[in-house]
mmCIF file of all heavy atoms, coordinates in Angstrom:
data_MODEL
# 
_entry.id   MODEL 
# 
loop_
_atom_site.group_PDB 
_atom_site.id 
_atom_site.type_symbol 
_atom_site.label_atom_id 
_atom_site.label_alt_id 
_atom_site.label_comp_id 
_atom_site.label_asym_id 
_atom_site.label_entity_id 
_atom_site.label_seq_id 
_atom_site.pdbx_PDB_ins_code 
_atom_site.Cartn_x 
_atom_site.Cartn_y 
_atom_site.Cartn_z 
_atom_site.occupancy 
_atom_site.B_iso_or_equiv 
_atom_site.pdbx_formal_charge 
_atom_site.auth_seq_id 
_atom_site.auth_comp_id 
_atom_site.auth_asym_id 
_atom_site.auth_atom_id 
_atom_site.pdbx_PDB_model_num 
ATOM 1   N N   . PHE A 1 1  ? 3.885   -9.414  -5.389  1.00 0.00 ? 1  PHE A N   1 
ATOM 2   C CA  . PHE A 1 1  ? 3.205   -10.578 -4.823  1.00 0.00 ? 1  PHE A CA  1 
ATOM 3   C C   . PHE A 1 1  ? 3.810   -11.862 -5.384  1.00 0.00 ? 1  PHE A C   1 
ATOM 4   O O   . PHE A 1 1  ? 3.920   -12.045 -6.603  1.00 0.00 ? 1  PHE A O   1 
ATOM 5   C CB  . PHE A 1 1  ? 1.704   -10.479 -5.087  1.00 0.00 ? 1  PHE A CB  1 
ATOM 6   C CG  . PHE A 1 1  ? 1.064   -9.363  -4.316  1.00 0.00 ? 1  PHE A CG  1 
ATOM 7   C CD1 . PHE A 1 1  ? 0.949   -8.101  -4.878  1.00 0.00 ? 1  PHE A CD1 1 
ATOM 8   C CD2 . PHE A 1 1  ? 0.633   -9.555  -3.012  1.00 0.00 ? 1  PHE A CD2 1 
ATOM 9   C CE1 . PHE A 1 1  ? 0.391   -7.054  -4.156  1.00 0.00 ? 1  PHE A CE1 1 
ATOM 10  C CE2 . PHE A 1 1  ? 0.078   -8.516  -2.285  1.00 0.00 ? 1  PHE A CE2 1 
ATOM 11  C CZ  . PHE A 1 1  ? -0.039  -7.262  -2.854  1.00 0.00 ? 1  PHE A CZ  1 
ATOM 12  N N   . SER A 1 2  ? 4.185   -12.745 -4.460  1.00 0.00 ? 2  SER A N   1 
ATOM 13  C CA  . SER A 1 2  ? 5.063   -13.862 -4.788  1.00 0.00 ? 2  SER A CA  1 
ATOM 14  C C   . SER A 1 2  ? 4.451   -14.904 -5.710  1.00 0.00 ? 2  SER A C   1 
ATOM 15  O O   . SER A 1 2  ? 5.186   -15.599 -6.418  1.00 0.00 ? 2  SER A O   1 
ATOM 16  C CB  . SER A 1 2  ? 5.537   -14.550 -3.500  1.00 0.00 ? 2  SER A CB  1 
ATOM 17  O OG  . SER A 1 2  ? 4.434   -15.030 -2.749  1.00 0.00 ? 2  SER A OG  1 
ATOM 18  N N   . MET A 1 3  ? 3.134   -15.053 -5.726  1.00 0.00 ? 3  MET A N   1 
ATOM 19  C CA  . MET A 1 3  ? 2.516   -16.067 -6.569  1.00 0.00 ? 3  MET A CA  1 
ATOM 20  C C   . MET A 1 3  ? 1.835   -15.484 -7.806  1.00 0.00 ? 3  MET A C   1 
ATOM 21  O O   . MET A 1 3  ? 1.395   -16.209 -8.686  1.00 0.00 ? 3  MET A O   1 
ATOM 22  C CB  . MET A 1 3  ? 1.481   -16.878 -5.762  1.00 0.00 ? 3  MET A CB  1 
ATOM 23  C CG  . MET A 1 3  ? 2.103   -17.739 -4.692  1.00 0.00 ? 3  MET A CG  1 
ATOM 24  S SD  . MET A 1 3  ? 3.236   -18.966 -5.380  1.00 0.00 ? 3  MET A SD  1 
ATOM 25  C CE  . MET A 1 3  ? 4.734   -18.605 -4.470  1.00 0.00 ? 3  MET A CE  1 
ATOM 26  N N   . ASP A 1 4  ? 1.725   -14.158 -7.866  1.00 0.00 ? 4  ASP A N   1 
ATOM 27  C CA  . ASP A 1 4  ? 1.071   -13.507 -9.005  1.00 0.00 ? 4  ASP A CA  1 
ATOM 28  C C   . ASP A 1 4  ? 2.014   -12.603 -9.788  1.00 0.00 ? 4  ASP A C   1 
ATOM 29  O O   . ASP A 1 4  ? 1.780   -12.330 -10.960 1.00 0.00 ? 4  ASP A O   1 
ATOM 30  C CB  . ASP A 1 4  ? -0.138  -12.706 -8.525  1.00 0.00 ? 4  ASP A CB  1 
ATOM 31  C CG  . ASP A 1 4  ? -1.256  -13.604 -8.060  1.00 0.00 ? 4  ASP A CG  1 
ATOM 32  O OD1 . ASP A 1 4  ? -1.139  -14.197 -6.972  1.00 0.00 ? 4  ASP A OD1 1 
ATOM 33  O OD2 . ASP A 1 4  ? -2.246  -13.741 -8.802  1.00 0.00 ? 4  ASP A OD2 1 
ATOM 34  N N   . GLY A 1 5  ? 3.066   -12.100 -9.131  1.00 0.00 ? 5  GLY A N   1 
ATOM 35  C CA  . GLY A 1 5  ? 4.049   -11.293 -9.823  1.00 0.00 ? 5  GLY A CA  1 
ATOM 36  C C   . GLY A 1 5  ? 3.638   -9.862  -10.097 1.00 0.00 ? 5  GLY A C   1 
ATOM 37  O O   . GLY A 1 5  ? 4.373   -9.120  -10.754 1.00 0.00 ? 5  GLY A O   1 
ATOM 38  N N   . ASP A 1 6  ? 2.461   -9.448  -9.597  1.00 0.00 ? 6  ASP A N   1 
ATOM 39  C CA  . ASP A 1 6  ? 2.027   -8.070  -9.812  1.00 0.00 ? 6  ASP A CA  1 
ATOM 40  C C   . ASP A 1 6  ? 2.435   -7.189  -8.634  1.00 0.00 ? 6  ASP A C   1 
ATOM 41  O O   . ASP A 1 6  ? 2.957   -7.667  -7.635  1.00 0.00 ? 6  ASP A O   1 
ATOM 42  C CB  . ASP A 1 6  ? 0.518   -8.009  -10.046 1.00 0.00 ? 6  ASP A CB  1 
ATOM 43  C CG  . ASP A 1 6  ? -0.293  -8.609  -8.904  1.00 0.00 ? 6  ASP A CG  1 
ATOM 44  O OD1 . ASP A 1 6  ? 0.281   -9.352  -8.089  1.00 0.00 ? 6  ASP A OD1 1 
ATOM 45  O OD2 . ASP A 1 6  ? -1.501  -8.329  -8.822  1.00 0.00 ? 6  ASP A OD2 1 
ATOM 46  N N   . HIS A 1 7  ? 2.193   -5.889  -8.754  1.00 0.00 ? 7  HIS A N   1 
ATOM 47  C CA  . HIS A 1 7  ? 2.637   -4.927  -7.766  1.00 0.00 ? 7  HIS A CA  1 
ATOM 48  C C   . HIS A 1 7  ? 1.495   -4.452  -6.862  1.00 0.00 ? 7  HIS A C   1 
ATOM 49  O O   . HIS A 1 7  ? 0.339   -4.379  -7.289  1.00 0.00 ? 7  HIS A O   1 
ATOM 50  C CB  . HIS A 1 7  ? 3.208   -3.679  -8.443  1.00 0.00 ? 7  HIS A CB  1 
ATOM 51  C CG  . HIS A 1 7  ? 4.389   -3.931  -9.308  1.00 0.00 ? 7  HIS A CG  1 
ATOM 52  N ND1 . HIS A 1 7  ? 4.928   -2.982  -10.138 1.00 0.00 ? 7  HIS A ND1 1 
ATOM 53  C CD2 . HIS A 1 7  ? 5.165   -5.030  -9.470  1.00 0.00 ? 7  HIS A CD2 1 
ATOM 54  C CE1 . HIS A 1 7  ? 5.965   -3.475  -10.777 1.00 0.00 ? 7  HIS A CE1 1 
ATOM 55  N NE2 . HIS A 1 7  ? 6.124   -4.725  -10.395 1.00 0.00 ? 7  HIS A NE2 1 
ATOM 56  N N   . ALA A 1 8  ? 1.853   -4.078  -5.640  1.00 0.00 ? 8  ALA A N   1 
ATOM 57  C CA  . ALA A 1 8  ? 0.919   -3.379  -4.769  1.00 0.00 ? 8  ALA A CA  1 
ATOM 58  C C   . ALA A 1 8  ? 0.715   -1.963  -5.291  1.00 0.00 ? 8  ALA A C   1 
ATOM 59  O O   . ALA A 1 8  ? 1.590   -1.388  -5.945  1.00 0.00 ? 8  ALA A O   1 
ATOM 60  C CB  . ALA A 1 8  ? 1.466   -3.331  -3.343  1.00 0.00 ? 8  ALA A CB  1 
ATOM 61  N N   . LEU A 1 9  ? -0.439  -1.397  -4.995  1.00 0.00 ? 9  LEU A N   1 
ATOM 62  C CA  . LEU A 1 9  ? -0.743  -0.027  -5.409  1.00 0.00 ? 9  LEU A CA  1 
ATOM 63  C C   . LEU A 1 9  ? -0.188  0.929   -4.350  1.00 0.00 ? 9  LEU A C   1 
ATOM 64  O O   . LEU A 1 9  ? -0.909  1.483   -3.527  1.00 0.00 ? 9  LEU A O   1 
ATOM 65  C CB  . LEU A 1 9  ? -2.251  0.145   -5.587  1.00 0.00 ? 9  LEU A CB  1 
ATOM 66  C CG  . LEU A 1 9  ? -2.896  -0.831  -6.574  1.00 0.00 ? 9  LEU A CG  1 
ATOM 67  C CD1 . LEU A 1 9  ? -4.401  -0.588  -6.669  1.00 0.00 ? 9  LEU A CD1 1 
ATOM 68  C CD2 . LEU A 1 9  ? -2.249  -0.714  -7.956  1.00 0.00 ? 9  LEU A CD2 1 
ATOM 69  N N   . LEU A 1 10 ? 1.111   1.129   -4.385  1.00 0.00 ? 10 LEU A N   1 
ATOM 70  C CA  . LEU A 1 10 ? 1.813   1.807   -3.302  1.00 0.00 ? 10 LEU A CA  1 
ATOM 71  C C   . LEU A 1 10 ? 1.396   3.263   -3.137  1.00 0.00 ? 10 LEU A C   1 
ATOM 72  O O   . LEU A 1 10 ? 1.290   3.755   -2.013  1.00 0.00 ? 10 LEU A O   1 
ATOM 73  C CB  . LEU A 1 10 ? 3.324   1.701   -3.519  1.00 0.00 ? 10 LEU A CB  1 
ATOM 74  C CG  . LEU A 1 10 ? 3.905   0.293   -3.376  1.00 0.00 ? 10 LEU A CG  1 
ATOM 75  C CD1 . LEU A 1 10 ? 5.376   0.286   -3.774  1.00 0.00 ? 10 LEU A CD1 1 
ATOM 76  C CD2 . LEU A 1 10 ? 3.737   -0.219  -1.955  1.00 0.00 ? 10 LEU A CD2 1 
ATOM 77  N N   . ARG A 1 11 ? 1.177   3.981   -4.214  1.00 0.00 ? 11 ARG A N   1 
ATOM 78  C CA  . ARG A 1 11 ? 0.794   5.393   -4.089  1.00 0.00 ? 11 ARG A CA  1 
ATOM 79  C C   . ARG A 1 11 ? -0.534  5.534   -3.355  1.00 0.00 ? 11 ARG A C   1 
ATOM 80  O O   . ARG A 1 11 ? -0.704  6.401   -2.492  1.00 0.00 ? 11 ARG A O   1 
ATOM 81  C CB  . ARG A 1 11 ? 0.718   6.051   -5.461  1.00 0.00 ? 11 ARG A CB  1 
ATOM 82  C CG  . ARG A 1 11 ? 2.055   6.100   -6.180  1.00 0.00 ? 11 ARG A CG  1 
ATOM 83  C CD  . ARG A 1 11 ? 2.016   7.038   -7.377  1.00 0.00 ? 11 ARG A CD  1 
ATOM 84  N NE  . ARG A 1 11 ? 3.224   6.883   -8.178  1.00 0.00 ? 11 ARG A NE  1 
ATOM 85  C CZ  . ARG A 1 11 ? 4.404   7.386   -7.873  1.00 0.00 ? 11 ARG A CZ  1 
ATOM 86  N NH1 . ARG A 1 11 ? 4.531   8.111   -6.755  1.00 0.00 ? 11 ARG A NH1 1 
ATOM 87  N NH2 . ARG A 1 11 ? 5.453   7.190   -8.648  1.00 0.00 ? 11 ARG A NH2 1 
ATOM 88  N N   . LYS A 1 12 ? -1.476  4.687   -3.687  1.00 0.00 ? 12 LYS A N   1 
ATOM 89  C CA  . LYS A 1 12 ? -2.775  4.734   -3.024  1.00 0.00 ? 12 LYS A CA  1 
ATOM 90  C C   . LYS A 1 12 ? -2.657  4.302   -1.567  1.00 0.00 ? 12 LYS A C   1 
ATOM 91  O O   . LYS A 1 12 ? -3.323  4.864   -0.675  1.00 0.00 ? 12 LYS A O   1 
ATOM 92  C CB  . LYS A 1 12 ? -3.772  3.839   -3.767  1.00 0.00 ? 12 LYS A CB  1 
ATOM 93  C CG  . LYS A 1 12 ? -5.194  3.921   -3.248  1.00 0.00 ? 12 LYS A CG  1 
ATOM 94  C CD  . LYS A 1 12 ? -5.776  5.315   -3.411  1.00 0.00 ? 12 LYS A CD  1 
ATOM 95  C CE  . LYS A 1 12 ? -7.236  5.354   -2.974  1.00 0.00 ? 12 LYS A CE  1 
ATOM 96  N NZ  . LYS A 1 12 ? -7.806  6.717   -3.071  1.00 0.00 ? 12 LYS A NZ  1 
ATOM 97  N N   . LEU A 1 13 ? -1.808  3.326   -1.295  1.00 0.00 ? 13 LEU A N   1 
ATOM 98  C CA  . LEU A 1 13 ? -1.601  2.882   0.082   1.00 0.00 ? 13 LEU A CA  1 
ATOM 99  C C   . LEU A 1 13 ? -1.015  4.004   0.938   1.00 0.00 ? 13 LEU A C   1 
ATOM 100 O O   . LEU A 1 13 ? -1.417  4.192   2.097   1.00 0.00 ? 13 LEU A O   1 
ATOM 101 C CB  . LEU A 1 13 ? -0.684  1.660   0.115   1.00 0.00 ? 13 LEU A CB  1 
ATOM 102 C CG  . LEU A 1 13 ? -1.281  0.353   -0.403  1.00 0.00 ? 13 LEU A CG  1 
ATOM 103 C CD1 . LEU A 1 13 ? -0.209  -0.708  -0.519  1.00 0.00 ? 13 LEU A CD1 1 
ATOM 104 C CD2 . LEU A 1 13 ? -2.402  -0.122  0.506   1.00 0.00 ? 13 LEU A CD2 1 
ATOM 105 N N   . VAL A 1 14 ? -0.089  4.756   0.377   1.00 0.00 ? 14 VAL A N   1 
ATOM 106 C CA  . VAL A 1 14 ? 0.490   5.888   1.102   1.00 0.00 ? 14 VAL A CA  1 
ATOM 107 C C   . VAL A 1 14 ? -0.584  6.935   1.381   1.00 0.00 ? 14 VAL A C   1 
ATOM 108 O O   . VAL A 1 14 ? -0.670  7.493   2.489   1.00 0.00 ? 14 VAL A O   1 
ATOM 109 C CB  . VAL A 1 14 ? 1.654   6.504   0.290   1.00 0.00 ? 14 VAL A CB  1 
ATOM 110 C CG1 . VAL A 1 14 ? 2.037   7.877   0.846   1.00 0.00 ? 14 VAL A CG1 1 
ATOM 111 C CG2 . VAL A 1 14 ? 2.855   5.571   0.302   1.00 0.00 ? 14 VAL A CG2 1 
ATOM 112 N N   . GLN A 1 15 ? -1.431  7.186   0.397   1.00 0.00 ? 15 GLN A N   1 
ATOM 113 C CA  . GLN A 1 15 ? -2.507  8.156   0.577   1.00 0.00 ? 15 GLN A CA  1 
ATOM 114 C C   . GLN A 1 15 ? -3.462  7.723   1.694   1.00 0.00 ? 15 GLN A C   1 
ATOM 115 O O   . GLN A 1 15 ? -3.835  8.529   2.564   1.00 0.00 ? 15 GLN A O   1 
ATOM 116 C CB  . GLN A 1 15 ? -3.277  8.317   -0.730  1.00 0.00 ? 15 GLN A CB  1 
ATOM 117 C CG  . GLN A 1 15 ? -4.453  9.277   -0.655  1.00 0.00 ? 15 GLN A CG  1 
ATOM 118 C CD  . GLN A 1 15 ? -5.271  9.295   -1.944  1.00 0.00 ? 15 GLN A CD  1 
ATOM 119 O OE1 . GLN A 1 15 ? -4.758  8.970   -3.021  1.00 0.00 ? 15 GLN A OE1 1 
ATOM 120 N NE2 . GLN A 1 15 ? -6.530  9.658   -1.830  1.00 0.00 ? 15 GLN A NE2 1 
ATOM 121 N N   . LEU A 1 16 ? -3.851  6.451   1.707   1.00 0.00 ? 16 LEU A N   1 
ATOM 122 C CA  . LEU A 1 16 ? -4.771  5.954   2.726   1.00 0.00 ? 16 LEU A CA  1 
ATOM 123 C C   . LEU A 1 16 ? -4.107  5.936   4.101   1.00 0.00 ? 16 LEU A C   1 
ATOM 124 O O   . LEU A 1 16 ? -4.756  6.205   5.119   1.00 0.00 ? 16 LEU A O   1 
ATOM 125 C CB  . LEU A 1 16 ? -5.256  4.555   2.355   1.00 0.00 ? 16 LEU A CB  1 
ATOM 126 C CG  . LEU A 1 16 ? -6.209  4.493   1.159   1.00 0.00 ? 16 LEU A CG  1 
ATOM 127 C CD1 . LEU A 1 16 ? -6.489  3.048   0.773   1.00 0.00 ? 16 LEU A CD1 1 
ATOM 128 C CD2 . LEU A 1 16 ? -7.511  5.226   1.470   1.00 0.00 ? 16 LEU A CD2 1 
ATOM 129 N N   . LYS A 1 17 ? -2.834  5.630   4.133   1.00 0.00 ? 17 LYS A N   1 
ATOM 130 C CA  . LYS A 1 17 ? -2.096  5.666   5.396   1.00 0.00 ? 17 LYS A CA  1 
ATOM 131 C C   . LYS A 1 17 ? -2.160  7.061   6.002   1.00 0.00 ? 17 LYS A C   1 
ATOM 132 O O   . LYS A 1 17 ? -2.404  7.230   7.209   1.00 0.00 ? 17 LYS A O   1 
ATOM 133 C CB  . LYS A 1 17 ? -0.643  5.264   5.142   1.00 0.00 ? 17 LYS A CB  1 
ATOM 134 C CG  . LYS A 1 17 ? 0.318   5.580   6.285   1.00 0.00 ? 17 LYS A CG  1 
ATOM 135 C CD  . LYS A 1 17 ? 1.698   5.901   5.771   1.00 0.00 ? 17 LYS A CD  1 
ATOM 136 C CE  . LYS A 1 17 ? 2.413   6.785   6.765   1.00 0.00 ? 17 LYS A CE  1 
ATOM 137 N NZ  . LYS A 1 17 ? 3.823   6.965   6.451   1.00 0.00 ? 17 LYS A NZ  1 
ATOM 138 N N   . ARG A 1 18 ? -1.933  8.066   5.191   1.00 0.00 ? 18 ARG A N   1 
ATOM 139 C CA  . ARG A 1 18 ? -1.965  9.449   5.675   1.00 0.00 ? 18 ARG A CA  1 
ATOM 140 C C   . ARG A 1 18 ? -3.366  9.829   6.156   1.00 0.00 ? 18 ARG A C   1 
ATOM 141 O O   . ARG A 1 18 ? -3.529  10.424  7.219   1.00 0.00 ? 18 ARG A O   1 
ATOM 142 C CB  . ARG A 1 18 ? -1.540  10.404  4.564   1.00 0.00 ? 18 ARG A CB  1 
ATOM 143 C CG  . ARG A 1 18 ? -0.060  10.344  4.201   1.00 0.00 ? 18 ARG A CG  1 
ATOM 144 C CD  . ARG A 1 18 ? 0.167   11.232  3.005   1.00 0.00 ? 18 ARG A CD  1 
ATOM 145 N NE  . ARG A 1 18 ? 1.572   11.347  2.623   1.00 0.00 ? 18 ARG A NE  1 
ATOM 146 C CZ  . ARG A 1 18 ? 1.976   11.973  1.525   1.00 0.00 ? 18 ARG A CZ  1 
ATOM 147 N NH1 . ARG A 1 18 ? 1.089   12.513  0.704   1.00 0.00 ? 18 ARG A NH1 1 
ATOM 148 N NH2 . ARG A 1 18 ? 3.264   12.052  1.247   1.00 0.00 ? 18 ARG A NH2 1 
ATOM 149 N N   . GLU A 1 19 ? -4.370  9.486   5.354   1.00 0.00 ? 19 GLU A N   1 
ATOM 150 C CA  . GLU A 1 19 ? -5.747  9.877   5.678   1.00 0.00 ? 19 GLU A CA  1 
ATOM 151 C C   . GLU A 1 19 ? -6.222  9.280   6.991   1.00 0.00 ? 19 GLU A C   1 
ATOM 152 O O   . GLU A 1 19 ? -6.983  9.916   7.733   1.00 0.00 ? 19 GLU A O   1 
ATOM 153 C CB  . GLU A 1 19 ? -6.689  9.442   4.548   1.00 0.00 ? 19 GLU A CB  1 
ATOM 154 C CG  . GLU A 1 19 ? -6.534  10.235  3.258   1.00 0.00 ? 19 GLU A CG  1 
ATOM 155 C CD  . GLU A 1 19 ? -7.461  9.719   2.174   1.00 0.00 ? 19 GLU A CD  1 
ATOM 156 O OE1 . GLU A 1 19 ? -8.280  8.800   2.458   1.00 0.00 ? 19 GLU A OE1 1 
ATOM 157 O OE2 . GLU A 1 19 ? -7.376  10.217  1.031   1.00 0.00 ? 19 GLU A OE2 1 
ATOM 158 N N   . HIS A 1 20 ? -5.775  8.064   7.300   1.00 0.00 ? 20 HIS A N   1 
ATOM 159 C CA  . HIS A 1 20 ? -6.317  7.346   8.457   1.00 0.00 ? 20 HIS A CA  1 
ATOM 160 C C   . HIS A 1 20 ? -5.326  7.217   9.612   1.00 0.00 ? 20 HIS A C   1 
ATOM 161 O O   . HIS A 1 20 ? -5.615  6.514   10.589  1.00 0.00 ? 20 HIS A O   1 
ATOM 162 C CB  . HIS A 1 20 ? -6.793  5.968   8.008   1.00 0.00 ? 20 HIS A CB  1 
ATOM 163 C CG  . HIS A 1 20 ? -7.979  6.023   7.082   1.00 0.00 ? 20 HIS A CG  1 
ATOM 164 N ND1 . HIS A 1 20 ? -9.283  6.051   7.539   1.00 0.00 ? 20 HIS A ND1 1 
ATOM 165 C CD2 . HIS A 1 20 ? -8.040  6.068   5.727   1.00 0.00 ? 20 HIS A CD2 1 
ATOM 166 C CE1 . HIS A 1 20 ? -10.103 6.102   6.499   1.00 0.00 ? 20 HIS A CE1 1 
ATOM 167 N NE2 . HIS A 1 20 ? -9.384  6.111   5.391   1.00 0.00 ? 20 HIS A NE2 1 
ATOM 168 N N   . GLY A 1 21 ? -4.180  7.870   9.513   1.00 0.00 ? 21 GLY A N   1 
ATOM 169 C CA  . GLY A 1 21 ? -3.228  7.837   10.615  1.00 0.00 ? 21 GLY A CA  1 
ATOM 170 C C   . GLY A 1 21 ? -2.710  6.449   10.915  1.00 0.00 ? 21 GLY A C   1 
ATOM 171 O O   . GLY A 1 21 ? -2.536  6.072   12.077  1.00 0.00 ? 21 GLY A O   1 
ATOM 172 N N   . ALA A 1 22 ? -2.431  5.673   9.861   1.00 0.00 ? 22 ALA A N   1 
ATOM 173 C CA  . ALA A 1 22 ? -1.953  4.303   10.025  1.00 0.00 ? 22 ALA A CA  1 
ATOM 174 C C   . ALA A 1 22 ? -0.452  4.232   9.776   1.00 0.00 ? 22 ALA A C   1 
ATOM 175 O O   . ALA A 1 22 ? 0.147   5.124   9.169   1.00 0.00 ? 22 ALA A O   1 
ATOM 176 C CB  . ALA A 1 22 ? -2.676  3.366   9.058   1.00 0.00 ? 22 ALA A CB  1 
ATOM 177 N N   . MET A 1 23 ? 0.164   3.164   10.250  1.00 0.00 ? 23 MET A N   1 
ATOM 178 C CA  . MET A 1 23 ? 1.541   2.836   9.890   1.00 0.00 ? 23 MET A CA  1 
ATOM 179 C C   . MET A 1 23 ? 1.507   2.020   8.603   1.00 0.00 ? 23 MET A C   1 
ATOM 180 O O   . MET A 1 23 ? 0.527   1.324   8.332   1.00 0.00 ? 23 MET A O   1 
ATOM 181 C CB  . MET A 1 23 ? 2.212   2.020   10.995  1.00 0.00 ? 23 MET A CB  1 
ATOM 182 C CG  . MET A 1 23 ? 2.328   2.722   12.333  1.00 0.00 ? 23 MET A CG  1 
ATOM 183 S SD  . MET A 1 23 ? 3.041   1.640   13.625  1.00 0.00 ? 23 MET A SD  1 
ATOM 184 C CE  . MET A 1 23 ? 1.625   0.566   13.981  1.00 0.00 ? 23 MET A CE  1 
ATOM 185 N N   . LEU A 1 24 ? 2.579   2.104   7.830   1.00 0.00 ? 24 LEU A N   1 
ATOM 186 C CA  . LEU A 1 24 ? 2.675   1.330   6.595   1.00 0.00 ? 24 LEU A CA  1 
ATOM 187 C C   . LEU A 1 24 ? 3.943   0.494   6.609   1.00 0.00 ? 24 LEU A C   1 
ATOM 188 O O   . LEU A 1 24 ? 5.042   1.022   6.769   1.00 0.00 ? 24 LEU A O   1 
ATOM 189 C CB  . LEU A 1 24 ? 2.670   2.251   5.369   1.00 0.00 ? 24 LEU A CB  1 
ATOM 190 C CG  . LEU A 1 24 ? 2.854   1.564   4.005   1.00 0.00 ? 24 LEU A CG  1 
ATOM 191 C CD1 . LEU A 1 24 ? 1.742   0.549   3.740   1.00 0.00 ? 24 LEU A CD1 1 
ATOM 192 C CD2 . LEU A 1 24 ? 2.902   2.604   2.885   1.00 0.00 ? 24 LEU A CD2 1 
ATOM 193 N N   . MET A 1 25 ? 3.779   -0.812  6.440   1.00 0.00 ? 25 MET A N   1 
ATOM 194 C CA  . MET A 1 25 ? 4.904   -1.750  6.361   1.00 0.00 ? 25 MET A CA  1 
ATOM 195 C C   . MET A 1 25 ? 4.871   -2.436  5.008   1.00 0.00 ? 25 MET A C   1 
ATOM 196 O O   . MET A 1 25 ? 3.814   -2.883  4.552   1.00 0.00 ? 25 MET A O   1 
ATOM 197 C CB  . MET A 1 25 ? 4.804   -2.800  7.474   1.00 0.00 ? 25 MET A CB  1 
ATOM 198 C CG  . MET A 1 25 ? 5.859   -3.894  7.386   1.00 0.00 ? 25 MET A CG  1 
ATOM 199 S SD  . MET A 1 25 ? 5.683   -5.102  8.739   1.00 0.00 ? 25 MET A SD  1 
ATOM 200 C CE  . MET A 1 25 ? 6.941   -6.304  8.254   1.00 0.00 ? 25 MET A CE  1 
# 
């Protein structure tokens, strides 16, 4: 994140993407 410098929780995002049939960008 450009103004905070921290990371997205990518592993959890991948898990939620799978569970809900979403695309991930």
